[in-house]
Protein backbone atom coordinates (compact mmCIF):
# COMPACT_ATOMS: atom_id res chain seq x y z
CA MET A 1 -5.59 2.22 -20.99
CA GLY A 2 -4.76 -0.02 -24.10
CA ARG A 3 -2.52 -3.20 -23.59
CA LEU A 4 -2.86 -2.82 -19.81
CA GLU A 5 -6.63 -2.72 -19.63
CA LYS A 6 -6.89 -6.70 -19.47
CA MET A 7 -5.01 -6.83 -16.13
CA VAL A 8 -8.08 -4.87 -14.29
CA ASN A 9 -11.16 -5.11 -16.55
CA SER A 10 -12.62 -8.07 -14.71
CA PRO A 11 -12.92 -9.11 -11.06
CA ALA A 12 -10.37 -11.88 -11.78
CA GLY A 13 -7.98 -9.34 -13.28
CA MET A 14 -8.52 -6.91 -10.42
CA ALA A 15 -7.80 -9.60 -7.93
CA GLY A 16 -4.43 -10.63 -9.89
CA PHE A 17 -3.60 -7.08 -10.05
CA ARG A 18 -3.89 -6.51 -6.27
CA ALA A 19 -1.99 -9.54 -5.45
CA LYS A 20 0.82 -8.95 -7.94
CA TYR A 21 1.45 -5.20 -6.69
CA ARG A 22 0.74 -6.42 -3.22
CA ILE A 23 -2.09 -3.85 -2.90
CA PRO A 24 -3.87 -4.18 0.63
CA PRO A 25 -7.41 -5.07 0.88
CA GLU A 26 -8.51 -1.73 2.57
CA VAL A 27 -7.32 0.22 -0.41
CA GLY A 28 -9.93 0.44 -2.94
CA LEU A 29 -9.57 -0.17 -6.52
CA GLU A 30 -11.87 0.95 -9.52
CA TYR A 31 -11.26 0.51 -13.08
CA CYS A 32 -12.20 3.53 -15.37
CA HIS A 33 -11.02 5.37 -18.30
CA GLN A 34 -8.73 8.36 -18.00
CA GLU A 35 -11.68 10.77 -18.98
CA GLU A 36 -13.86 9.37 -15.95
CA ILE A 37 -11.57 9.90 -13.21
CA LEU A 38 -12.19 13.52 -12.37
CA PHE A 39 -16.12 12.54 -12.40
CA LYS A 40 -15.76 9.33 -10.33
CA ARG A 41 -13.26 10.58 -7.67
CA ARG A 42 -14.93 11.62 -4.16
CA THR A 43 -13.68 14.05 -1.80
CA GLY A 44 -10.97 12.66 0.23
CA GLU A 45 -9.71 10.08 -2.50
CA VAL A 46 -6.41 9.93 -4.16
CA THR A 47 -6.40 8.79 -7.88
CA ILE A 48 -3.18 6.67 -8.82
CA PRO A 49 -2.66 5.84 -12.26
CA MET A 50 -2.12 2.13 -13.18
CA ILE A 51 1.03 2.97 -14.84
CA ALA A 52 2.86 3.88 -11.47
CA PHE A 53 2.27 0.61 -10.52
CA VAL A 54 3.39 -1.48 -13.68
CA GLU A 55 6.28 0.81 -14.82
CA GLY A 56 7.22 2.37 -11.69
CA GLY A 57 7.14 -0.64 -9.40
CA MET A 58 5.09 1.61 -6.86
CA THR A 59 3.65 -0.42 -4.25
CA ILE A 60 1.25 0.68 -1.26
CA PRO A 61 2.18 1.47 1.44
CA MET A 62 4.41 3.77 0.43
CA GLY A 63 7.82 4.01 2.16
CA ARG A 64 8.79 6.78 4.32
CA ILE A 65 11.11 8.18 1.83
CA THR A 66 8.63 8.36 -0.92
CA ARG A 67 5.79 9.46 1.33
CA ASP A 68 8.08 12.50 2.77
CA TYR A 69 9.04 13.45 -0.58
CA LEU A 70 5.47 13.78 -1.70
CA ARG A 71 4.47 15.84 1.18
CA GLY A 72 7.63 17.99 1.06
CA HIS A 73 7.01 19.05 -2.38
CA ARG A 74 3.09 19.17 -2.01
CA LEU A 75 2.70 16.48 -4.87
CA ALA A 76 0.09 13.82 -5.44
CA PRO A 77 1.14 10.60 -6.76
CA HIS A 78 -0.38 11.12 -10.22
CA GLN A 79 1.59 14.30 -10.67
CA CYS A 80 4.81 12.17 -10.58
CA THR A 81 6.33 10.28 -13.65
CA ALA A 82 6.34 6.38 -12.95
CA ASN A 83 10.16 6.18 -12.55
CA LEU A 84 10.07 8.37 -9.45
CA PHE A 85 8.50 5.77 -7.54
CA ARG A 86 11.22 2.96 -8.59
CA ILE A 87 13.88 5.52 -7.68
CA LEU A 88 12.43 6.58 -4.34
CA GLY A 89 11.29 3.09 -3.55
CA CYS A 90 15.14 1.80 -4.06
CA VAL A 91 16.48 4.65 -1.85
CA ASP A 92 13.92 3.82 0.85
CA ALA A 93 14.94 -0.04 0.81
């Protein structure tokens, strides 16, 4: 994760990340390396990379247009580029 790792590698950092990107408390966050994502993810969970929030400006809950776009194209959030979330978020606003 490199330079962004310090944002989420401690409980205080994770709380700051949650507040800065307005992630609701009912959404679970877990810090793990990219190699561990497939092993740690359980059935019914969605993995969203941190870069989608930092570079793409993604916030949860998603707007209607973003949600409909992902469903319409049968995409998971981690399959999209970070800028896609910024563009769709601006259209939604």
